[in-house]
């Protein structure tokens, strides 16, 4: 989503709700604003900093520290594959490969249509479900490479019907 399509009224409402907390409200404010904007552009970041009365450097520090906050446009559907030790020994390599093949992109990239972004993460906190895949906020695990097309086909249909 670009600045041209940002619902600034909703963004300002979120910022106003978190403003009394100052820096303590920064992370939850950024998470909520990202839900509205899709990613945290420099313009959005400046607006959050001003509204919460925190240094812009603090805003960028939080955005760059947390892997679920984005400072660049990402797909409507984020595919996250855990590649920690538990997932790796249980087959996460095959899951990543199946995602790469299905989507035609590498980890860190977004499909040309802007629908999917593929990511690998060092830990998604679900070792007991290794190998683990997360698509937006939905969890899948244990998952195998052959499960990927079915899962992502369902997501394609879901997004197209919205």
Protein backbone atom coordinates (compact mmCIF):
# COMPACT_ATOMS: atom_id res chain seq x y z
CA UNK A 1 0.00 0.00 0.00
CA UNK A 2 1.42 3.39 -0.92
CA UNK A 3 0.93 6.69 0.86
CA UNK A 4 -1.66 7.57 -1.80
CA UNK A 5 -4.02 4.94 -0.39
CA UNK A 6 -3.33 5.27 3.34
CA UNK A 7 -6.41 5.83 5.48
CA UNK A 8 -4.81 8.63 7.49
CA UNK A 9 -7.88 9.07 9.67
CA UNK A 10 -7.63 5.49 10.94
CA UNK A 11 -3.85 5.83 11.37
CA UNK A 12 -4.31 9.03 13.39
CA UNK A 13 -6.96 7.34 15.56
CA UNK A 14 -4.53 4.54 16.42
CA UNK A 15 -1.73 7.00 17.14
CA UNK A 16 -4.02 9.10 19.37
CA UNK A 17 -5.04 6.01 21.33
CA UNK A 18 -1.39 5.09 22.02
CA UNK A 19 -0.05 8.67 22.43
CA UNK A 20 -0.61 8.81 26.23
CA UNK A 21 1.75 5.84 26.62
CA UNK A 22 4.59 7.54 24.72
CA UNK A 23 7.49 5.20 24.04
CA UNK A 24 5.76 2.36 25.90
CA UNK A 25 3.02 2.42 23.25
CA UNK A 26 5.41 2.42 20.31
CA UNK A 27 5.44 -1.29 19.43
CA UNK A 28 1.69 -1.90 19.73
CA UNK A 29 1.02 1.36 17.87
CA UNK A 30 3.31 0.30 15.01
CA UNK A 31 1.67 -3.12 14.85
CA UNK A 32 -1.81 -1.60 14.59
CA UNK A 33 -0.76 1.04 12.09
CA UNK A 34 0.89 -1.64 9.92
CA UNK A 35 -2.40 -3.57 9.88
CA UNK A 36 -3.95 -0.47 8.29
CA UNK A 37 -1.14 0.53 5.94
CA UNK A 38 0.41 -2.84 5.04
CA UNK A 39 3.93 -1.59 5.83
CA UNK A 40 5.63 1.24 7.69
CA UNK A 41 6.81 3.79 5.16
CA UNK A 42 9.06 6.70 6.18
CA UNK A 43 6.03 9.00 6.06
CA UNK A 44 4.03 6.71 8.35
CA UNK A 45 7.02 6.36 10.68
CA UNK A 46 7.39 10.15 10.94
CA UNK A 47 3.71 10.49 11.76
CA UNK A 48 3.94 7.87 14.52
CA UNK A 49 7.05 9.52 15.97
CA UNK A 50 5.38 12.92 16.04
CA UNK A 51 2.13 11.59 17.48
CA UNK A 52 3.81 9.59 20.25
CA UNK A 53 6.42 12.33 20.81
CA UNK A 54 9.32 9.89 20.49
CA UNK A 55 12.49 10.31 18.43
CA UNK A 56 12.23 9.07 14.86
CA UNK A 57 15.38 7.02 15.53
CA UNK A 58 13.44 5.07 18.18
CA UNK A 59 10.68 4.33 15.67
CA UNK A 60 13.17 3.08 13.08
CA UNK A 61 15.01 1.12 15.77
CA UNK A 62 11.84 -0.78 16.69
CA UNK A 63 10.87 -1.36 13.06
CA UNK A 64 14.28 -2.74 12.13
CA UNK A 65 14.53 -4.88 15.28
CA UNK A 66 11.21 -6.72 15.00
CA UNK A 67 11.01 -9.08 12.03
CA UNK A 68 7.22 -8.81 11.78
CA UNK A 69 7.35 -5.07 11.12
CA UNK A 70 8.07 -4.04 7.54
CA UNK A 71 9.78 -0.92 6.21
CA UNK A 72 9.09 -1.93 2.62
CA UNK A 73 5.97 -3.09 0.79
CA UNK A 74 5.16 -6.77 1.29
CA UNK A 75 2.56 -9.12 -0.11
CA UNK A 76 -0.96 -9.38 1.21
CA UNK A 77 -0.04 -12.89 2.32
CA UNK A 78 3.18 -13.44 4.27
CA UNK A 79 4.51 -17.01 4.15
CA UNK A 80 6.93 -17.64 7.02
CA UNK A 81 8.91 -20.86 7.25
CA UNK A 82 10.72 -21.59 10.49
CA UNK A 83 14.30 -22.71 9.94
CA UNK A 84 15.49 -23.23 13.51
CA UNK A 85 17.25 -26.45 14.48
CA UNK A 86 14.06 -28.40 15.28
CA UNK A 87 12.42 -27.42 12.02
CA UNK A 88 15.60 -27.89 9.99
CA UNK A 89 16.19 -31.48 11.15
CA UNK A 90 12.52 -32.26 10.55
CA UNK A 91 12.45 -31.05 6.95
CA UNK A 92 12.08 -27.26 6.76
CA UNK A 93 14.48 -27.24 3.78
CA UNK A 94 11.89 -29.15 1.75
CA UNK A 95 9.13 -26.76 2.88
CA UNK A 96 11.20 -23.73 1.84
CA UNK A 97 11.96 -25.38 -1.52
CA UNK A 98 8.29 -26.17 -2.09
CA UNK A 99 7.40 -22.53 -1.33
CA UNK A 100 10.14 -21.28 -3.67
CA UNK A 101 8.88 -23.53 -6.45
CA UNK A 102 5.20 -22.74 -5.93
CA UNK A 103 5.68 -18.97 -5.63
CA UNK A 104 8.60 -18.57 -8.04
CA UNK A 105 10.48 -16.34 -5.60
CA UNK A 106 13.28 -16.57 -3.05
CA UNK A 107 13.00 -15.86 0.68
CA UNK A 108 12.80 -12.11 1.20
CA UNK A 109 11.02 -11.52 -2.11
CA UNK A 110 7.45 -10.72 -3.07
CA UNK A 111 5.60 -12.18 -6.04
CA UNK A 112 5.20 -9.79 -8.98
CA UNK A 113 1.43 -9.57 -8.37
CA UNK A 114 2.06 -8.43 -4.79
CA UNK A 115 0.08 -11.32 -3.33
CA UNK A 116 2.79 -13.34 -1.51
CA UNK A 117 6.00 -12.57 0.37
CA UNK A 118 8.22 -15.50 1.38
CA UNK A 119 10.33 -15.35 4.53
CA UNK A 120 12.42 -17.71 6.60
CA UNK A 121 12.69 -17.09 10.33
CA UNK A 122 15.21 -18.42 12.84
CA UNK A 123 12.42 -19.30 15.30
CA UNK A 124 8.66 -19.02 15.26
CA UNK A 125 8.31 -20.61 18.69
CA UNK A 126 6.53 -23.80 17.63
CA UNK A 127 9.30 -26.39 17.90
CA UNK A 128 6.81 -29.04 18.97
CA UNK A 129 5.14 -28.68 15.54
CA UNK A 130 8.31 -28.85 13.42
CA UNK A 131 8.60 -28.21 10.59
CA UNK A 132 6.41 -25.17 11.08
CA UNK A 133 4.83 -22.81 8.55
CA UNK A 134 2.90 -19.65 9.29
CA UNK A 135 0.77 -17.93 6.66
CA UNK A 136 -0.28 -14.49 7.88
CA UNK A 137 -1.56 -15.40 11.36
CA UNK A 138 -2.53 -19.01 10.62
CA UNK A 139 -0.27 -21.80 11.81
CA UNK A 140 0.54 -25.07 10.04
CA UNK A 141 2.65 -27.83 11.45
CA UNK A 142 4.04 -30.23 11.19
CA UNK A 143 3.97 -29.49 7.48
CA UNK A 144 5.65 -31.23 4.57
CA UNK A 145 6.73 -29.91 1.19
CA UNK A 146 3.85 -31.71 -0.51
CA UNK A 147 1.38 -29.79 1.73
CA UNK A 148 2.52 -26.39 0.45
CA UNK A 149 0.53 -26.24 -2.84
CA UNK A 150 -2.74 -27.12 -1.07
CA UNK A 151 -2.15 -24.53 1.67
CA UNK A 152 -1.12 -21.75 -0.71
CA UNK A 153 -3.88 -22.56 -3.24
CA UNK A 154 -6.39 -22.03 -0.42
CA UNK A 155 -4.78 -18.68 0.39
CA UNK A 156 -4.90 -17.60 -3.25
CA UNK A 157 -8.64 -18.33 -3.34
CA UNK A 158 -9.21 -16.55 -0.04
CA UNK A 159 -7.47 -13.38 -1.24
CA UNK A 160 -9.20 -13.41 -4.63
CA UNK A 161 -12.63 -13.72 -2.97
CA UNK A 162 -12.04 -10.73 -0.64
